Amino acid sequence: MLLDVHVHLFPPAVVERIEKYLVKDEFLAQICSSPRQKYASAEDLLAEMDKCGVDKAVISGFASSDQGLCREMNDYVLDAARANPQKLMPMAVVYPLDPGMEKEIQRCHEAGAVGVGELFPWGQKFDLEGREAGKLASICQQRNLPLLLHINEIVGHYYAGKGDVSIKEAANFAAKYPELTLIYAHWGGGLLFYELMPELKEQLQNVYYDTAASPFLYHKNIYRVAREIGILHKVLFATDYPLLSPRRYLRELEEAGLTDHELAMIKGENAAKLFLASRRP
């Protein structure tokens, strides 16, 4: 099975009036103002999945500081998943500083959402050590919903959306909520390397790392490094589509020097344990 845990869809109706939202949301403007910005509909994704042999995808809209836009994004991915239940699994995006966050998570969960995210602590301006993040963690934990957070490396080249949330903050958040299933996008900004420290390995046992944007960030040897660290069982195949096609990741995976069993873990077995069990309330 090939299961992509990190895909972003934009409702076509939102794309048509995207300029309206860019004016209102500084972070969204950073991401979407580039003339090279790609938008994908459910139909685009399904065609790409068929072309690349992806069996299932976990889909979300794009989280912003406009809870109304988050709701519109959620409606679209929920509808897409209802229409394609064998291929698509929806996640909910929310604005943690909005007082309606809990109700929106409840609404989406009852409609079939299998998790919450991808959320952006830096871009949406919520502090991982703050009260709102704690409430978010508690809601997800109570509902047994994985929480996908954008955690990027804070060194190296700049790109749109690169924030300054540190791996220390990410590690502390995981330690504060040890029963919460966390997925840290983009290899957790490098947090995975610190699992060589015994106390961090214990602290991060419920933290998973997705591979979104990996070809732009790390050499393909990172997969073998993850094996040496002993965390391959926590690595999740993720493309950040439409940023990159699954084919780019699959080529690197096949060249990474892993066994067939290890490849199967990353491509879908690890994710299946998180997302294919029923998570309805």
C-alpha atoms as a PDB file:
ATOM      1  CA  MET A   1       0.000   0.000   0.000  1.00  0.00           C
ATOM      2  CA  LEU A   2       1.146   3.531  -0.791  1.00  0.00           C
ATOM      3  CA  LEU A   3      -0.409   6.063   1.587  1.00  0.00           C
ATOM      4  CA  ASP A   4       0.373   9.779   1.382  1.00  0.00           C
ATOM      5  CA  VAL A   5      -0.300  11.488   4.723  1.00  0.00           C
ATOM      6  CA  HIS A   6       0.227  15.123   3.680  1.00  0.00           C
ATOM      7  CA  VAL A   7      -1.725  16.617   0.787  1.00  0.00           C
ATOM      8  CA  HIS A   8      -3.243  20.085   0.428  1.00  0.00           C
ATOM      9  CA  LEU A   9      -6.368  20.772  -1.607  1.00  0.00           C
ATOM     10  CA  PHE A  10      -7.797  24.186  -2.414  1.00  0.00           C
ATOM     11  CA  PRO A  11     -11.487  24.517  -3.264  1.00  0.00           C
ATOM     12  CA  PRO A  12     -11.730  25.905  -6.813  1.00  0.00           C
ATOM     13  CA  ALA A  13     -14.150  28.542  -5.521  1.00  0.00           C
ATOM     14  CA  VAL A  14     -11.461  29.766  -3.111  1.00  0.00           C
ATOM     15  CA  VAL A  15      -8.799  29.841  -5.828  1.00  0.00           C
ATOM     16  CA  GLU A  16     -11.075  32.018  -7.959  1.00  0.00           C
ATOM     17  CA  ARG A  17     -11.150  34.687  -5.253  1.00  0.00           C
ATOM     18  CA  ILE A  18      -7.785  34.042  -3.642  1.00  0.00           C
ATOM     19  CA  GLU A  19      -6.787  37.714  -3.764  1.00  0.00           C
ATOM     20  CA  LYS A  20      -9.546  38.487  -1.260  1.00  0.00           C
ATOM     21  CA  TYR A  21      -7.937  36.162   1.271  1.00  0.00           C
ATOM     22  CA  LEU A  22      -4.355  37.242   0.625  1.00  0.00           C
ATOM     23  CA  VAL A  23      -5.228  40.746   1.748  1.00  0.00           C
ATOM     24  CA  LYS A  24      -6.692  39.448   5.006  1.00  0.00           C
ATOM     25  CA  ASP A  25      -4.077  36.846   5.945  1.00  0.00           C
ATOM     26  CA  GLU A  26      -0.376  37.730   6.029  1.00  0.00           C
ATOM     27  CA  PHE A  27       0.788  34.120   6.201  1.00  0.00           C
ATOM     28  CA  LEU A  28      -1.457  32.952   3.375  1.00  0.00           C
ATOM     29  CA  ALA A  29      -0.123  35.850   1.308  1.00  0.00           C
ATOM     30  CA  GLN A  30       3.454  34.646   1.854  1.00  0.00           C
ATOM     31  CA  ILE A  31       2.569  31.173   0.639  1.00  0.00           C
ATOM     32  CA  CYS A  32       0.243  31.983  -2.226  1.00  0.00           C
ATOM     33  CA  SER A  33       1.551  35.234  -3.721  1.00  0.00           C
ATOM     34  CA  SER A  34       4.166  33.551  -5.891  1.00  0.00           C
ATOM     35  CA  PRO A  35       3.170  33.244  -9.555  1.00  0.00           C
ATOM     36  CA  ARG A  36       4.489  29.668  -9.335  1.00  0.00           C
ATOM     37  CA  GLN A  37       2.098  28.724  -6.523  1.00  0.00           C
ATOM     38  CA  LYS A  38       0.294  25.476  -7.328  1.00  0.00           C
ATOM     39  CA  TYR A  39      -3.304  24.721  -6.405  1.00  0.00           C
ATOM     40  CA  ALA A  40      -4.810  21.261  -6.546  1.00  0.00           C
ATOM     41  CA  SER A  41      -8.432  20.198  -6.608  1.00  0.00           C
ATOM     42  CA  ALA A  42      -9.699  16.778  -5.585  1.00  0.00           C
ATOM     43  CA  GLU A  43      -9.860  15.836  -9.261  1.00  0.00           C
ATOM     44  CA  ASP A  44      -6.234  16.881  -9.769  1.00  0.00           C
ATOM     45  CA  LEU A  45      -5.163  14.765  -6.816  1.00  0.00           C
ATOM     46  CA  LEU A  46      -7.081  11.672  -7.860  1.00  0.00           C
ATOM     47  CA  ALA A  47      -5.545  11.841 -11.337  1.00  0.00           C
ATOM     48  CA  GLU A  48      -2.051  12.168  -9.832  1.00  0.00           C
ATOM     49  CA  MET A  49      -2.701   9.282  -7.446  1.00  0.00           C
ATOM     50  CA  ASP A  50      -3.756   7.026 -10.311  1.00  0.00           C
ATOM     51  CA  LYS A  51      -0.706   8.051 -12.337  1.00  0.00           C
ATOM     52  CA  CYS A  52       1.734   7.425  -9.477  1.00  0.00           C
ATOM     53  CA  GLY A  53       0.126   4.381  -7.862  1.00  0.00           C
ATOM     54  CA  VAL A  54      -0.903   6.081  -4.612  1.00  0.00           C
ATOM     55  CA  ASP A  55      -3.642   4.029  -2.965  1.00  0.00           C
ATOM     56  CA  LYS A  56      -4.812   6.473  -0.294  1.00  0.00           C
ATOM     57  CA  ALA A  57      -4.184  10.079   0.668  1.00  0.00           C
ATOM     58  CA  VAL A  58      -4.829  12.069   3.822  1.00  0.00           C
ATOM     59  CA  ILE A  59      -6.110  15.421   2.607  1.00  0.00           C
ATOM     60  CA  SER A  60      -6.518  18.832   4.167  1.00  0.00           C
ATOM     61  CA  GLY A  61      -7.140  22.378   3.103  1.00  0.00           C
ATOM     62  CA  PHE A  62      -4.731  25.148   4.002  1.00  0.00           C
ATOM     63  CA  ALA A  63      -4.888  26.450   7.562  1.00  0.00           C
ATOM     64  CA  SER A  64      -5.115  30.198   8.006  1.00  0.00           C
ATOM     65  CA  SER A  65      -6.046  32.756  10.645  1.00  0.00           C
ATOM     66  CA  ASP A  66      -9.497  33.099   9.067  1.00  0.00           C
ATOM     67  CA  GLN A  67     -11.715  30.475  10.702  1.00  0.00           C
ATOM     68  CA  GLY A  68     -14.347  31.032   8.018  1.00  0.00           C
ATOM     69  CA  LEU A  69     -11.820  30.093   5.360  1.00  0.00           C
ATOM     70  CA  CYS A  70     -10.733  27.070   7.427  1.00  0.00           C
ATOM     71  CA  ARG A  71     -14.361  25.936   7.526  1.00  0.00           C
ATOM     72  CA  GLU A  72     -14.701  26.351   3.773  1.00  0.00           C
ATOM     73  CA  MET A  73     -11.526  24.327   3.287  1.00  0.00           C
ATOM     74  CA  ASN A  74     -12.869  21.642   5.618  1.00  0.00           C
ATOM     75  CA  ASP A  75     -16.198  21.443   3.810  1.00  0.00           C
ATOM     76  CA  TYR A  76     -14.370  20.821   0.550  1.00  0.00           C
ATOM     77  CA  VAL A  77     -12.116  18.020   1.801  1.00  0.00           C
ATOM     78  CA  LEU A  78     -14.963  16.376   3.727  1.00  0.00           C
ATOM     79  CA  ASP A  79     -17.085  16.354   0.570  1.00  0.00           C
ATOM     80  CA  ALA A  80     -14.172  15.008  -1.487  1.00  0.00           C
ATOM     81  CA  ALA A  81     -13.598  12.190   0.994  1.00  0.00           C
ATOM     82  CA  ARG A  82     -17.301  11.291   1.082  1.00  0.00           C
ATOM     83  CA  ALA A  83     -17.273  11.051  -2.697  1.00  0.00           C
ATOM     84  CA  ASN A  84     -14.077   8.948  -2.730  1.00  0.00           C
ATOM     85  CA  PRO A  85     -14.051   7.008   0.566  1.00  0.00           C
ATOM     86  CA  GLN A  86     -11.672   4.306  -0.655  1.00  0.00           C
ATOM     87  CA  LYS A  87      -8.991   6.807  -1.627  1.00  0.00           C
ATOM     88  CA  LEU A  88      -9.292   9.988   0.440  1.00  0.00           C
ATOM     89  CA  MET A  89      -9.241  10.617   4.191  1.00  0.00           C
ATOM     90  CA  PRO A  90      -9.890  14.165   5.446  1.00  0.00           C
ATOM     91  CA  MET A  91      -8.150  16.155   8.153  1.00  0.00           C
ATOM     92  CA  ALA A  92      -9.525  19.340   9.703  1.00  0.00           C
ATOM     93  CA  VAL A  93      -7.759  22.682   9.626  1.00  0.00           C
ATOM     94  CA  VAL A  94      -8.582  25.198  12.354  1.00  0.00           C
ATOM     95  CA  TYR A  95      -7.375  28.486  13.750  1.00  0.00           C
ATOM     96  CA  PRO A  96      -6.362  27.701  17.347  1.00  0.00           C
ATOM     97  CA  LEU A  97      -6.925  31.295  18.495  1.00  0.00           C
ATOM     98  CA  ASP A  98     -10.544  31.241  17.355  1.00  0.00           C
ATOM     99  CA  PRO A  99     -13.117  30.504  20.091  1.00  0.00           C
ATOM    100  CA  GLY A 100     -14.953  28.180  17.710  1.00  0.00           C
ATOM    101  CA  MET A 101     -11.983  25.832  17.273  1.00  0.00           C
ATOM    102  CA  GLU A 102     -13.388  23.021  19.415  1.00  0.00           C
ATOM    103  CA  LYS A 103     -16.783  23.052  17.733  1.00  0.00           C
ATOM    104  CA  GLU A 104     -15.158  22.926  14.309  1.00  0.00           C
ATOM    105  CA  ILE A 105     -13.001  19.958  15.259  1.00  0.00           C
ATOM    106  CA  GLN A 106     -16.082  18.222  16.645  1.00  0.00           C
ATOM    107  CA  ARG A 107     -18.054  18.957  13.476  1.00  0.00           C
ATOM    108  CA  CYS A 108     -15.303  17.644  11.230  1.00  0.00           C
ATOM    109  CA  HIS A 109     -14.617  14.570  13.362  1.00  0.00           C
ATOM    110  CA  GLU A 110     -18.290  13.623  13.311  1.00  0.00           C
ATOM    111  CA  ALA A 111     -18.240  14.078   9.534  1.00  0.00           C
ATOM    112  CA  GLY A 112     -15.306  11.691   9.120  1.00  0.00           C
ATOM    113  CA  ALA A 113     -12.093  13.631   9.783  1.00  0.00           C
ATOM    114  CA  VAL A 114      -9.228  11.348  10.832  1.00  0.00           C
ATOM    115  CA  GLY A 115      -6.989  14.050  12.262  1.00  0.00           C
ATOM    116  CA  VAL A 116      -6.251  17.749  12.606  1.00  0.00           C
ATOM    117  CA  GLY A 117      -3.714  19.604  10.492  1.00  0.00           C
ATOM    118  CA  GLU A 118      -1.537  20.665   8.909  1.00  0.00           C
ATOM    119  CA  LEU A 119      -1.426  23.620  11.285  1.00  0.00           C
ATOM    120  CA  PHE A 120       1.288  26.293  11.324  1.00  0.00           C
ATOM    121  CA  PRO A 121       2.340  27.528  14.790  1.00  0.00           C
ATOM    122  CA  TRP A 122       4.469  30.301  13.323  1.00  0.00           C
ATOM    123  CA  GLY A 123       2.229  31.247  10.411  1.00  0.00           C
ATOM    124  CA  GLN A 124      -1.004  31.169  12.432  1.00  0.00           C
ATOM    125  CA  LYS A 125       0.723  32.870  15.373  1.00  0.00           C
ATOM    126  CA  PHE A 126      -0.099  30.408  18.116  1.00  0.00           C
ATOM    127  CA  ASP A 127       2.482  29.541  20.732  1.00  0.00           C
ATOM    128  CA  LEU A 128       3.145  25.835  21.338  1.00  0.00           C
ATOM    129  CA  GLU A 129       3.616  26.741  25.002  1.00  0.00           C
ATOM    130  CA  GLY A 130       0.421  28.776  25.131  1.00  0.00           C
ATOM    131  CA  ARG A 131      -3.074  28.077  26.424  1.00  0.00           C
ATOM    132  CA  GLU A 132      -4.609  27.708  22.961  1.00  0.00           C
ATOM    133  CA  ALA A 133      -2.099  25.063  21.919  1.00  0.00           C
ATOM    134  CA  GLY A 134      -2.825  23.213  25.154  1.00  0.00           C
ATOM    135  CA  LYS A 135      -6.544  23.262  24.438  1.00  0.00           C
ATOM    136  CA  LEU A 136      -5.889  22.026  20.901  1.00  0.00           C
ATOM    137  CA  ALA A 137      -3.742  19.180  22.232  1.00  0.00           C
ATOM    138  CA  SER A 138      -6.371  18.182  24.780  1.00  0.00           C
ATOM    139  CA  ILE A 139      -9.158  18.111  22.178  1.00  0.00           C
ATOM    140  CA  CYS A 140      -7.124  15.965  19.797  1.00  0.00           C
ATOM    141  CA  GLN A 141      -6.067  13.622  22.567  1.00  0.00           C
ATOM    142  CA  GLN A 142      -9.621  13.189  23.849  1.00  0.00           C
ATOM    143  CA  ARG A 143     -10.849  12.392  20.357  1.00  0.00           C
ATOM    144  CA  ASN A 144      -7.864  10.179  19.505  1.00  0.00           C
ATOM    145  CA  LEU A 145      -7.007  12.381  16.528  1.00  0.00           C
ATOM    146  CA  PRO A 146      -3.413  12.726  15.291  1.00  0.00           C
ATOM    147  CA  LEU A 147      -2.243  16.342  15.141  1.00  0.00           C
ATOM    148  CA  LEU A 148      -0.092  17.331  12.152  1.00  0.00           C
ATOM    149  CA  LEU A 149       2.077  20.399  12.755  1.00  0.00           C
ATOM    150  CA  HIS A 150       4.430  22.247  10.435  1.00  0.00           C
ATOM    151  CA  ILE A 151       7.901  22.146  11.986  1.00  0.00           C
ATOM    152  CA  ASN A 152      10.707  23.292   9.703  1.00  0.00           C
ATOM    153  CA  GLU A 153      14.475  23.452  10.059  1.00  0.00           C
ATOM    154  CA  ILE A 154      15.639  26.877  11.239  1.00  0.00           C
ATOM    155  CA  VAL A 155      18.951  26.822   9.361  1.00  0.00           C
ATOM    156  CA  GLY A 156      19.689  26.724   5.659  1.00  0.00           C
ATOM    157  CA  HIS A 157      18.048  28.541   2.770  1.00  0.00           C
ATOM    158  CA  TYR A 158      14.914  30.648   3.070  1.00  0.00           C
ATOM    159  CA  TYR A 159      11.623  29.704   1.412  1.00  0.00           C
ATOM    160  CA  ALA A 160       8.098  31.036   1.685  1.00  0.00           C
ATOM    161  CA  GLY A 161       6.508  29.781   4.882  1.00  0.00           C
ATOM    162  CA  LYS A 162       9.756  29.024   6.674  1.00  0.00           C
ATOM    163  CA  GLY A 163       9.143  29.881  10.313  1.00  0.00           C
ATOM    164  CA  ASP A 164      11.145  30.192  13.496  1.00  0.00           C
ATOM    165  CA  VAL A 165       9.460  27.623  15.757  1.00  0.00           C
ATOM    166  CA  SER A 166      12.380  25.728  17.248  1.00  0.00           C
ATOM    167  CA  ILE A 167      12.820  21.996  17.630  1.00  0.00           C
ATOM    168  CA  LYS A 168      13.145  22.710  21.349  1.00  0.00           C
ATOM    169  CA  GLU A 169       9.569  24.023  21.369  1.00  0.00           C
ATOM    170  CA  ALA A 170       8.435  21.000  19.376  1.00  0.00           C
ATOM    171  CA  ALA A 171      10.177  18.602  21.771  1.00  0.00           C
ATOM    172  CA  ASN A 172       8.732  20.362  24.811  1.00  0.00           C
ATOM    173  CA  PHE A 173       5.230  20.234  23.341  1.00  0.00           C
ATOM    174  CA  ALA A 174       5.543  16.474  22.831  1.00  0.00           C
ATOM    175  CA  ALA A 175       6.813  16.057  26.401  1.00  0.00           C
ATOM    176  CA  LYS A 176       3.914  18.062  27.807  1.00  0.00           C
ATOM    177  CA  TYR A 177       1.334  15.892  26.002  1.00  0.00           C
ATOM    178  CA  PRO A 178       2.910  12.418  25.917  1.00  0.00           C
ATOM    179  CA  GLU A 179      -0.358  10.612  25.083  1.00  0.00           C
ATOM    180  CA  LEU A 180      -1.057  12.815  22.060  1.00  0.00           C
ATOM    181  CA  THR A 181      -0.189  11.386  18.650  1.00  0.00           C
ATOM    182  CA  LEU A 182       1.845  14.043  16.886  1.00  0.00           C
ATOM    183  CA  ILE A 183       3.011  14.166  13.293  1.00  0.00           C
ATOM    184  CA  TYR A 184       5.758  16.692  12.756  1.00  0.00           C
ATOM    185  CA  ALA A 185       5.941  17.632   9.095  1.00  0.00           C
ATOM    186  CA  HIS A 186       9.170  17.983   7.126  1.00  0.00           C
ATOM    187  CA  TRP A 187      11.106  15.502   9.284  1.00  0.00           C
ATOM    188  CA  GLY A 188      10.239  17.633  12.309  1.00  0.00           C
ATOM    189  CA  GLY A 189      12.720  20.296  11.305  1.00  0.00           C
ATOM    190  CA  GLY A 190      15.520  17.883  12.172  1.00  0.00           C
ATOM    191  CA  LEU A 191      14.135  16.888  15.554  1.00  0.00           C
ATOM    192  CA  LEU A 192      14.454  13.235  14.572  1.00  0.00           C
ATOM    193  CA  PHE A 193      18.244  13.417  14.903  1.00  0.00           C
ATOM    194  CA  TYR A 194      17.901  14.063  18.634  1.00  0.00           C
ATOM    195  CA  GLU A 195      16.251  10.701  19.115  1.00  0.00           C
ATOM    196  CA  LEU A 196      19.832   9.468  19.412  1.00  0.00           C
ATOM    197  CA  MET A 197      19.576  10.882  22.943  1.00  0.00           C
ATOM    198  CA  PRO A 198      17.894   8.239  25.145  1.00  0.00           C
ATOM    199  CA  GLU A 199      15.820  10.770  27.081  1.00  0.00           C
ATOM    200  CA  LEU A 200      14.568  12.349  23.847  1.00  0.00           C
ATOM    201  CA  LYS A 201      13.689   8.976  22.367  1.00  0.00           C
ATOM    202  CA  GLU A 202      11.492   8.360  25.395  1.00  0.00           C
ATOM    203  CA  GLN A 203      10.022  11.850  25.269  1.00  0.00           C
ATOM    204  CA  LEU A 204       9.215  11.607  21.551  1.00  0.00           C
ATOM    205  CA  GLN A 205       7.799   8.089  21.428  1.00  0.00           C
ATOM    206  CA  ASN A 206       4.412   9.312  20.133  1.00  0.00           C
ATOM    207  CA  VAL A 207       5.950  11.682  17.584  1.00  0.00           C
ATOM    208  CA  TYR A 208       5.942  10.672  13.917  1.00  0.00           C
ATOM    209  CA  TYR A 209       7.896  12.381  11.153  1.00  0.00           C
ATOM    210  CA  ASP A 210       6.571  12.960   7.670  1.00  0.00           C
ATOM    211  CA  THR A 211       8.708  13.325   4.578  1.00  0.00           C
ATOM    212  CA  ALA A 212       6.949  16.360   3.072  1.00  0.00           C
ATOM    213  CA  ALA A 213       9.336  18.491   0.982  1.00  0.00           C
ATOM    214  CA  SER A 214      12.216  16.110   1.758  1.00  0.00           C
ATOM    215  CA  PRO A 215      13.813  16.351  -1.734  1.00  0.00           C
ATOM    216  CA  PHE A 216      14.137  20.114  -1.225  1.00  0.00           C
ATOM    217  CA  LEU A 217      15.642  19.774   2.243  1.00  0.00           C
ATOM    218  CA  TYR A 218      17.699  16.598   2.729  1.00  0.00           C
ATOM    219  CA  HIS A 219      19.840  14.136   0.849  1.00  0.00           C
ATOM    220  CA  LYS A 220      18.144  10.791   0.209  1.00  0.00           C
ATOM    221  CA  ASN A 221      20.535   9.245   2.755  1.00  0.00           C
ATOM    222  CA  ILE A 222      18.235  10.616   5.458  1.00  0.00           C
ATOM    223  CA  TYR A 223      16.196   7.413   5.168  1.00  0.00           C
ATOM    224  CA  ARG A 224      19.203   5.283   6.086  1.00  0.00           C
ATOM    225  CA  VAL A 225      20.071   7.713   8.873  1.00  0.00           C
ATOM    226  CA  ALA A 226      16.529   7.281  10.221  1.00  0.00           C
ATOM    227  CA  ARG A 227      17.116   3.517  10.174  1.00  0.00           C
ATOM    228  CA  GLU A 228      20.326   3.890  12.168  1.00  0.00           C
ATOM    229  CA  ILE A 229      18.569   6.125  14.697  1.00  0.00           C
ATOM    230  CA  GLY A 230      15.927   3.411  15.051  1.00  0.00           C
ATOM    231  CA  ILE A 231      12.848   5.407  14.048  1.00  0.00           C
ATOM    232  CA  LEU A 232      11.830   3.988  10.656  1.00  0.00           C
ATOM    233  CA  HIS A 233       8.613   2.788  12.282  1.00  0.00           C
ATOM    234  CA  LYS A 234       7.703   6.462  12.795  1.00  0.00           C
ATOM    235  CA  VAL A 235       8.477   7.772   9.296  1.00  0.00           C
ATOM    236  CA  LEU A 236       5.446   8.546   7.133  1.00  0.00           C
ATOM    237  CA  PHE A 237       5.373   8.945   3.363  1.00  0.00           C
ATOM    238  CA  ALA A 238       4.230  12.503   2.636  1.00  0.00           C
ATOM    239  CA  THR A 239       4.473  14.632  -0.487  1.00  0.00           C
ATOM    240  CA  ASP A 240       2.998  18.049   0.364  1.00  0.00           C
ATOM    241  CA  TYR A 241       1.268  17.660  -3.020  1.00  0.00           C
ATOM    242  CA  PRO A 242       0.902  19.728  -5.165  1.00  0.00           C
ATOM    243  CA  LEU A 243       4.301  21.044  -4.065  1.00  0.00           C
ATOM    244  CA  LEU A 244       5.879  17.870  -5.489  1.00  0.00           C
ATOM    245  CA  SER A 245       4.658  14.769  -7.247  1.00  0.00           C
ATOM    246  CA  PRO A 246       4.848  11.428  -5.415  1.00  0.00           C
ATOM    247  CA  ARG A 247       7.177  10.228  -8.181  1.00  0.00           C
ATOM    248  CA  ARG A 248      10.015  12.418  -6.858  1.00  0.00           C
ATOM    249  CA  TYR A 249       9.817  10.800  -3.418  1.00  0.00           C
ATOM    250  CA  LEU A 250       9.421   7.291  -4.765  1.00  0.00           C
ATOM    251  CA  ARG A 251      12.571   7.665  -6.858  1.00  0.00           C
ATOM    252  CA  GLU A 252      14.576   8.757  -3.819  1.00  0.00           C
ATOM    253  CA  LEU A 253      13.119   5.981  -1.687  1.00  0.00           C
ATOM    254  CA  GLU A 254      14.075   3.341  -4.222  1.00  0.00           C
ATOM    255  CA  GLU A 255      17.635   4.723  -4.285  1.00  0.00           C
ATOM    256  CA  ALA A 256      17.950   4.984  -0.493  1.00  0.00           C
ATOM    257  CA  GLY A 257      19.253   1.462   0.111  1.00  0.00           C
ATOM    258  CA  LEU A 258      16.397   0.210   2.295  1.00  0.00           C
ATOM    259  CA  THR A 259      14.998  -3.306   2.415  1.00  0.00           C
ATOM    260  CA  ASP A 260      11.603  -4.130   0.933  1.00  0.00           C
ATOM    261  CA  HIS A 261      10.174  -4.399   4.438  1.00  0.00           C
ATOM    262  CA  GLU A 262      11.562  -1.004   5.417  1.00  0.00           C
ATOM    263  CA  LEU A 263      10.171   0.556   2.263  1.00  0.00           C
ATOM    264  CA  ALA A 264       6.760  -0.940   2.970  1.00  0.00           C
ATOM    265  CA  MET A 265       6.794   0.554   6.467  1.00  0.00           C
ATOM    266  CA  ILE A 266       7.437   4.060   5.173  1.00  0.00           C
ATOM    267  CA  LYS A 267       5.141   3.824   2.169  1.00  0.00           C
ATOM    268  CA  GLY A 268       2.078   2.858   4.124  1.00  0.00           C
ATOM    269  CA  GLU A 269       2.328   0.385   6.981  1.00  0.00           C
ATOM    270  CA  ASN A 270       3.261   3.025   9.551  1.00  0.00           C
ATOM    271  CA  ALA A 271       0.500   5.365   8.437  1.00  0.00           C
ATOM    272  CA  ALA A 272      -2.099   2.608   8.320  1.00  0.00           C
ATOM    273  CA  LYS A 273      -1.688   2.125  12.068  1.00  0.00           C
ATOM    274  CA  LEU A 274      -2.596   5.772  12.599  1.00  0.00           C
ATOM    275  CA  PHE A 275      -5.314   6.374  10.059  1.00  0.00           C
ATOM    276  CA  LEU A 276      -7.046   3.171   9.008  1.00  0.00           C
ATOM    277  CA  ALA A 277      -8.417   2.272  12.419  1.00  0.00           C
ATOM    278  CA  SER A 278     -11.793   3.840  13.088  1.00  0.00           C
ATOM    279  CA  ARG A 279     -11.540   7.217  14.783  1.00  0.00           C
ATOM    280  CA  ARG A 280     -15.175   8.212  14.733  1.00  0.00           C
ATOM    281  CA  PRO A 281     -16.546   9.515  18.053  1.00  0.00           C
END
